[in-house]
Amino acid sequence: MKTLAPAEVGRIAKVVLDQVGTVVVGKRDSLELVLAGILAGGHVLLEDLPGLAKTLTARSFAQTLGIGFRRLQFTPDLLPADVTGSFLYDQRSHEFTFRAGPVFTNLLLADEINRTPPKTQSALLEAMQERQVSVEGATYRLDPPFHVLATANPIEYEGTYPLPEAQLDRFLLRVSFGYPEADEEWEVLRRRMTRRQEEAVIEPVVDSETLLAMQGALEDVTVEDSIGRYIVSLAAATRSHPQVLVGASPRGSLALLLLARAAAALSGRDYVIPEDVKAVAVPALAHRITLLPEMWLKRIDPRAVVGEVLAQTPAPASGALPTYGGRRG
């Protein structure tokens, strides 16, 4: 397997983002977060209103990264076997053979994941966490890289089911795009007229082997002790916030660590600084927080809670070396 330095990861990532940016207009910050989630080896939840390029973003990253891609439209009548696959009886051999489902790919676009009932939503849990699928007692491994990019409409939107906390926690981060600026929206229309067809095709920048090498390079991004304790303090502060019923778990701390490493690599550095942590704190932690019921009535946003935690938690200013054996360049 090839190896890469974090600085090289940053260079390649810029080319990937530039290529995706030829199709997805604007939203560079959101696209960087999506790529950070993939580089960190995680799954990304794209939550926003319909028509804001969530599906286009997933397809564009799959094309640019040169990896296998499947799209699965989640509907109210979708069954777990439609996700994972099932055994079919072969009349010629008189045996049951396994037919792999759409989850057997490198990047699965779970489109409108919150339109399907919880039983089918949970079919993805094992695949997302363990990178494997169990069907009728048999276990099948998912080949790396494996990532789920799920799109979701806001829970107030008609015909949606709230994602259970256990499944939300499996997503490394949640990203929203929001409406484009007027100039960006006009650019979308202009590019559509220029290419003279509906679908935009992007040439690959890397392949699956290079993507795995980029992900492996993140292990060389060091985290100084005070930065690590800062991450722990941020997650712990969500648990004691007066508006929060359940705060971020240690999985949230780990997500913050992994994404901060990815953010450092995107900047071409092999060490994490406090600004890396701050840049990913809201998308990494906000969806892991359960507010008190009365806060929902007041329409308090969990992202605002994480913003308060960031403002109230002192950031370190240390140049010390990490104690876990990492090396700072």
Protein backbone atom coordinates (compact mmCIF):
# COMPACT_ATOMS: atom_id res chain seq x y z
CA MET A 1 0.00 0.00 0.00
CA LYS A 2 1.33 3.42 -0.93
CA THR A 3 2.13 6.01 1.76
CA LEU A 4 1.67 9.76 1.70
CA ALA A 5 2.77 12.65 3.88
CA PRO A 6 0.08 14.96 5.36
CA ALA A 7 1.38 17.83 3.20
CA GLU A 8 0.78 15.73 0.09
CA VAL A 9 -2.74 14.96 1.34
CA GLY A 10 -3.43 18.68 1.51
CA ARG A 11 -2.22 19.18 -2.06
CA ILE A 12 -4.32 16.32 -3.47
CA ALA A 13 -7.36 17.37 -1.44
CA LYS A 14 -7.23 20.85 -2.97
CA VAL A 15 -7.37 19.33 -6.46
CA VAL A 16 -10.30 17.13 -5.41
CA LEU A 17 -12.19 20.11 -4.00
CA ASP A 18 -11.47 22.20 -7.08
CA GLN A 19 -12.82 19.42 -9.27
CA VAL A 20 -16.00 19.02 -7.20
CA GLY A 21 -16.33 22.80 -7.22
CA THR A 22 -16.72 22.74 -11.00
CA VAL A 23 -20.13 21.15 -10.43
CA VAL A 24 -21.18 22.22 -6.94
CA VAL A 25 -21.06 26.01 -7.05
CA GLY A 26 -19.83 27.80 -3.93
CA LYS A 27 -20.14 26.11 -0.53
CA ARG A 28 -16.40 25.52 -0.33
CA ASP A 29 -16.47 25.34 3.48
CA SER A 30 -19.21 22.69 3.45
CA LEU A 31 -17.40 20.68 0.77
CA GLU A 32 -14.21 20.77 2.86
CA LEU A 33 -16.16 19.36 5.81
CA VAL A 34 -17.54 16.52 3.68
CA LEU A 35 -14.05 15.66 2.41
CA ALA A 36 -12.67 15.89 5.97
CA GLY A 37 -15.27 13.33 7.05
CA ILE A 38 -14.25 10.97 4.25
CA LEU A 39 -10.52 11.40 4.95
CA ALA A 40 -11.19 10.72 8.63
CA GLY A 41 -12.77 7.41 7.61
CA GLY A 42 -16.28 8.33 8.69
CA HIS A 43 -19.80 8.79 7.42
CA VAL A 44 -21.43 12.13 6.65
CA LEU A 45 -25.01 13.27 7.16
CA LEU A 46 -26.06 16.00 4.71
CA GLU A 47 -29.13 17.60 6.27
CA ASP A 48 -30.92 20.38 4.44
CA LEU A 49 -34.01 21.27 2.45
CA PRO A 50 -34.60 19.53 -0.92
CA GLY A 51 -32.84 20.93 -3.97
CA LEU A 52 -29.68 22.21 -2.27
CA ALA A 53 -27.14 19.93 -4.02
CA LYS A 54 -26.90 17.20 -1.37
CA THR A 55 -27.25 14.34 -3.84
CA LEU A 56 -25.07 16.12 -6.40
CA THR A 57 -22.34 16.54 -3.79
CA ALA A 58 -22.28 12.82 -2.97
CA ARG A 59 -22.16 11.78 -6.63
CA SER A 60 -19.48 14.36 -7.42
CA PHE A 61 -17.19 13.17 -4.62
CA ALA A 62 -17.61 9.55 -5.73
CA GLN A 63 -16.64 10.46 -9.31
CA THR A 64 -13.71 12.65 -8.24
CA LEU A 65 -12.34 10.07 -5.80
CA GLY A 66 -12.62 7.30 -8.38
CA ILE A 67 -14.45 4.87 -6.10
CA GLY A 68 -17.49 2.63 -6.46
CA PHE A 69 -20.80 4.42 -6.00
CA ARG A 70 -24.40 3.34 -5.48
CA ARG A 71 -27.47 5.37 -4.73
CA LEU A 72 -30.31 3.96 -2.63
CA GLN A 73 -33.53 5.94 -2.41
CA PHE A 74 -34.99 5.48 1.06
CA THR A 75 -38.79 5.26 0.95
CA PRO A 76 -41.45 4.34 3.55
CA ASP A 77 -41.80 0.81 2.10
CA LEU A 78 -38.05 0.04 1.93
CA LEU A 79 -37.09 -3.19 3.76
CA PRO A 80 -33.79 -3.96 5.56
CA ALA A 81 -33.04 -6.66 2.95
CA ASP A 82 -33.26 -3.98 0.26
CA VAL A 83 -30.23 -2.37 1.91
CA THR A 84 -28.08 -5.33 2.98
CA GLY A 85 -29.08 -8.02 0.50
CA SER A 86 -30.78 -11.38 0.99
CA PHE A 87 -30.59 -15.09 0.24
CA LEU A 88 -32.32 -16.31 -2.89
CA TYR A 89 -33.12 -19.90 -3.75
CA ASP A 90 -31.39 -21.16 -6.89
CA GLN A 91 -33.61 -23.80 -8.49
CA ARG A 92 -30.76 -25.20 -10.59
CA SER A 93 -28.36 -25.81 -7.71
CA HIS A 94 -31.12 -26.28 -5.10
CA GLU A 95 -29.19 -23.99 -2.78
CA PHE A 96 -29.65 -20.56 -1.31
CA THR A 97 -27.18 -17.98 -2.63
CA PHE A 98 -26.53 -14.53 -1.23
CA ARG A 99 -27.43 -11.57 -3.39
CA ALA A 100 -25.48 -8.55 -2.19
CA GLY A 101 -27.42 -5.34 -1.60
CA PRO A 102 -26.49 -1.77 -2.51
CA VAL A 103 -24.48 -1.39 0.71
CA PHE A 104 -21.68 -3.41 -0.93
CA THR A 105 -19.91 -0.47 -2.53
CA ASN A 106 -17.30 2.16 -1.63
CA LEU A 107 -19.60 5.15 -1.28
CA LEU A 108 -23.28 4.59 -0.59
CA LEU A 109 -25.61 7.52 -1.09
CA ALA A 110 -28.48 6.92 1.33
CA ASP A 111 -30.89 9.42 -0.18
CA GLU A 112 -33.52 10.90 2.14
CA ILE A 113 -32.63 8.45 4.89
CA ASN A 114 -35.22 9.86 7.27
CA ARG A 115 -38.12 9.00 4.95
CA THR A 116 -37.85 5.30 5.81
CA PRO A 117 -39.00 3.68 9.09
CA PRO A 118 -36.51 3.09 11.94
CA LYS A 119 -36.28 -0.67 11.26
CA THR A 120 -34.77 -0.04 7.84
CA GLN A 121 -32.65 2.85 9.11
CA SER A 122 -31.12 0.48 11.65
CA ALA A 123 -30.09 -1.93 8.86
CA LEU A 124 -27.24 0.48 8.15
CA LEU A 125 -25.96 0.56 11.74
CA GLU A 126 -23.79 -2.55 11.59
CA ALA A 127 -22.42 -1.62 8.18
CA MET A 128 -21.54 1.90 9.32
CA GLN A 129 -19.92 0.88 12.60
CA GLU A 130 -18.40 -2.54 11.93
CA ARG A 131 -17.89 -2.37 8.14
CA GLN A 132 -19.73 -5.66 7.82
CA VAL A 133 -23.20 -7.04 7.13
CA SER A 134 -24.86 -9.98 8.89
CA VAL A 135 -27.68 -11.75 7.06
CA GLU A 136 -29.30 -14.89 8.49
CA GLY A 137 -26.26 -15.76 10.59
CA ALA A 138 -23.69 -15.19 7.84
CA THR A 139 -21.30 -12.22 8.04
CA TYR A 140 -19.92 -10.43 5.00
CA ARG A 141 -17.11 -7.88 5.16
CA LEU A 142 -17.36 -4.57 3.30
CA ASP A 143 -14.23 -3.78 1.31
CA PRO A 144 -12.50 -0.49 2.19
CA PRO A 145 -12.95 2.31 1.56
CA PHE A 146 -16.56 2.29 2.71
CA HIS A 147 -18.49 5.47 3.44
CA VAL A 148 -22.13 6.40 3.78
CA LEU A 149 -23.19 9.85 2.63
CA ALA A 150 -26.76 10.18 3.78
CA THR A 151 -29.08 13.01 2.85
CA ALA A 152 -31.90 14.02 5.16
CA ASN A 153 -34.65 16.59 5.10
CA PRO A 154 -35.29 18.64 8.26
CA ILE A 155 -37.42 16.64 10.71
CA GLU A 156 -40.25 19.18 10.51
CA TYR A 157 -40.54 18.36 6.79
CA GLU A 158 -43.60 16.31 5.80
CA GLY A 159 -43.21 12.52 5.76
CA THR A 160 -39.96 12.26 7.71
CA TYR A 161 -38.95 10.02 10.64
CA PRO A 162 -36.46 11.39 13.18
CA LEU A 163 -33.21 9.44 13.10
CA PRO A 164 -32.63 7.55 16.38
CA GLU A 165 -29.81 8.90 18.56
CA ALA A 166 -27.83 5.68 18.11
CA GLN A 167 -27.78 6.15 14.35
CA LEU A 168 -27.07 9.88 14.48
CA ASP A 169 -24.05 9.06 16.65
CA ARG A 170 -22.65 6.83 13.87
CA PHE A 171 -22.29 9.83 11.58
CA LEU A 172 -18.92 11.47 12.07
CA LEU A 173 -20.40 14.86 11.27
CA ARG A 174 -23.50 16.62 10.00
CA VAL A 175 -23.21 19.22 7.26
CA SER A 176 -25.74 21.74 5.93
CA PHE A 177 -25.39 23.78 2.76
CA GLY A 178 -28.07 26.45 2.94
CA TYR A 179 -29.39 28.49 0.06
CA PRO A 180 -26.83 29.88 -2.40
CA GLU A 181 -26.14 33.56 -2.90
CA ALA A 182 -27.77 35.18 -5.92
CA ASP A 183 -24.53 35.19 -7.93
CA GLU A 184 -23.91 31.52 -7.08
CA GLU A 185 -27.43 30.55 -8.12
CA TRP A 186 -27.01 32.36 -11.44
CA GLU A 187 -23.70 30.52 -11.92
CA VAL A 188 -25.57 27.21 -11.48
CA LEU A 189 -27.95 28.21 -14.28
CA ARG A 190 -25.14 29.47 -16.51
CA ARG A 191 -23.15 26.25 -16.17
CA ARG A 192 -26.24 24.18 -16.94
CA MET A 193 -26.74 26.08 -20.20
CA THR A 194 -23.06 25.79 -21.06
CA ARG A 195 -22.83 21.99 -20.73
CA ARG A 196 -26.10 21.50 -22.71
CA GLN A 197 -27.15 18.44 -20.71
CA GLU A 198 -28.61 17.74 -17.29
CA GLU A 199 -25.95 15.51 -15.78
CA ALA A 200 -22.46 16.79 -15.07
CA VAL A 201 -19.61 14.27 -15.37
CA ILE A 202 -16.36 14.73 -13.46
CA GLU A 203 -13.08 13.02 -14.24
CA PRO A 204 -11.44 11.12 -11.32
CA VAL A 205 -8.58 12.83 -9.52
CA VAL A 206 -7.52 9.84 -7.39
CA ASP A 207 -8.45 6.17 -7.03
CA SER A 208 -9.40 3.96 -4.07
CA GLU A 209 -5.76 3.07 -3.35
CA THR A 210 -4.77 6.73 -3.17
CA LEU A 211 -7.79 7.55 -1.00
CA LEU A 212 -6.79 4.82 1.46
CA ALA A 213 -3.25 6.23 1.50
CA MET A 214 -4.63 9.71 2.21
CA GLN A 215 -6.67 8.30 5.08
CA GLY A 216 -3.62 6.46 6.42
CA ALA A 217 -1.58 9.66 6.34
CA LEU A 218 -3.85 11.17 8.99
CA GLU A 219 -2.27 8.80 11.53
CA ASP A 220 0.91 10.87 11.14
CA VAL A 221 -0.90 14.07 12.15
CA THR A 222 0.10 14.61 15.77
CA VAL A 223 -2.07 16.00 18.54
CA GLU A 224 -0.31 17.73 21.42
CA ASP A 225 -1.63 16.87 24.90
CA SER A 226 -3.23 20.24 25.62
CA ILE A 227 -5.12 20.01 22.32
CA GLY A 228 -6.38 16.56 23.29
CA ARG A 229 -7.54 17.82 26.67
CA TYR A 230 -9.20 20.78 24.94
CA ILE A 231 -11.19 18.30 22.84
CA VAL A 232 -12.23 16.41 25.97
CA SER A 233 -13.21 19.66 27.69
CA LEU A 234 -15.43 20.69 24.79
CA ALA A 235 -17.28 17.37 24.77
CA ALA A 236 -17.63 17.38 28.57
CA ALA A 237 -18.98 20.94 28.52
CA THR A 238 -21.90 19.83 26.33
CA ARG A 239 -22.92 17.37 29.06
CA SER A 240 -23.14 20.02 31.77
CA HIS A 241 -24.77 22.74 29.65
CA PRO A 242 -28.04 23.89 31.29
CA GLN A 243 -30.04 23.49 28.07
CA VAL A 244 -28.85 19.96 27.34
CA LEU A 245 -30.50 16.72 28.42
CA VAL A 246 -27.84 14.38 26.98
CA GLY A 247 -24.46 15.69 25.85
CA ALA A 248 -21.87 14.32 23.46
CA SER A 249 -20.49 10.87 24.30
CA PRO A 250 -16.80 9.88 24.12
CA ARG A 251 -17.58 8.95 20.51
CA GLY A 252 -18.10 12.68 20.02
CA SER A 253 -14.65 13.40 21.44
CA LEU A 254 -13.16 10.85 19.06
CA ALA A 255 -15.02 12.39 16.12
CA LEU A 256 -13.63 15.79 17.07
CA LEU A 257 -10.11 14.36 17.20
CA LEU A 258 -10.38 12.60 13.83
CA LEU A 259 -11.91 15.59 12.08
CA ALA A 260 -9.37 17.99 13.58
CA ARG A 261 -6.62 15.78 12.17
CA ALA A 262 -8.32 15.84 8.78
CA ALA A 263 -8.65 19.64 8.94
CA ALA A 264 -4.93 19.92 9.70
CA ALA A 265 -4.06 17.68 6.75
CA LEU A 266 -6.32 19.73 4.45
CA SER A 267 -4.22 22.72 5.48
CA GLY A 268 -1.02 20.81 4.70
CA ARG A 269 0.06 20.45 8.33
CA ASP A 270 1.10 17.32 10.24
CA TYR A 271 -0.02 18.71 13.62
CA VAL A 272 -3.33 19.98 14.99
CA ILE A 273 -3.87 23.52 16.22
CA PRO A 274 -6.86 24.82 18.23
CA GLU A 275 -8.35 26.45 15.12
CA ASP A 276 -8.67 22.99 13.53
CA VAL A 277 -10.76 21.83 16.48
CA LYS A 278 -12.92 24.95 16.43
CA ALA A 279 -13.57 24.62 12.70
CA VAL A 280 -15.10 21.14 13.07
CA ALA A 281 -16.66 21.35 16.53
CA VAL A 282 -20.19 22.32 15.46
CA PRO A 283 -20.59 19.72 12.67
CA ALA A 284 -18.97 17.05 14.87
CA LEU A 285 -20.94 17.63 18.08
CA ALA A 286 -24.26 19.38 17.41
CA HIS A 287 -26.09 16.28 16.13
CA ARG A 288 -24.96 14.29 19.18
CA ILE A 289 -26.72 16.60 21.64
CA THR A 290 -30.26 16.05 22.96
CA LEU A 291 -31.82 19.26 24.26
CA LEU A 292 -34.28 19.51 27.14
CA PRO A 293 -37.88 19.27 25.86
CA GLU A 294 -38.63 22.88 26.72
CA MET A 295 -35.65 23.99 24.60
CA TRP A 296 -37.30 22.46 21.53
CA LEU A 297 -40.38 24.52 22.24
CA LYS A 298 -38.19 27.61 22.36
CA ARG A 299 -36.54 26.47 19.09
CA ILE A 300 -33.06 26.47 20.58
CA ASP A 301 -30.59 25.10 18.02
CA PRO A 302 -28.00 22.54 19.22
CA ARG A 303 -25.47 24.31 16.99
CA ALA A 304 -25.91 27.43 19.11
CA VAL A 305 -25.21 25.35 22.22
CA VAL A 306 -21.92 24.11 20.74
CA GLY A 307 -21.12 27.71 19.81
CA GLU A 308 -21.59 28.74 23.44
CA VAL A 309 -19.38 25.88 24.59
CA LEU A 310 -16.65 26.99 22.18
CA ALA A 311 -16.87 30.56 23.45
CA GLN A 312 -16.70 29.52 27.10
CA THR A 313 -13.96 26.87 26.92
CA PRO A 314 -10.40 28.30 26.96
CA ALA A 315 -8.28 27.17 24.02
CA PRO A 316 -4.72 26.04 24.75
CA ALA A 317 -1.65 27.98 23.64
CA SER A 318 1.02 25.35 24.08
CA GLY A 319 3.90 24.33 21.84
CA ALA A 320 4.69 21.16 23.76
CA LEU A 321 5.20 17.82 22.09
CA PRO A 322 2.63 15.03 22.47
CA THR A 323 3.34 12.31 25.03
CA TYR A 324 1.68 9.41 23.17
CA GLY A 325 4.63 8.91 20.83
CA GLY A 326 3.59 11.10 17.90
CA ARG A 327 6.05 13.32 16.10
CA ARG A 328 5.47 16.99 15.35
CA GLY A 329 7.01 18.30 12.16
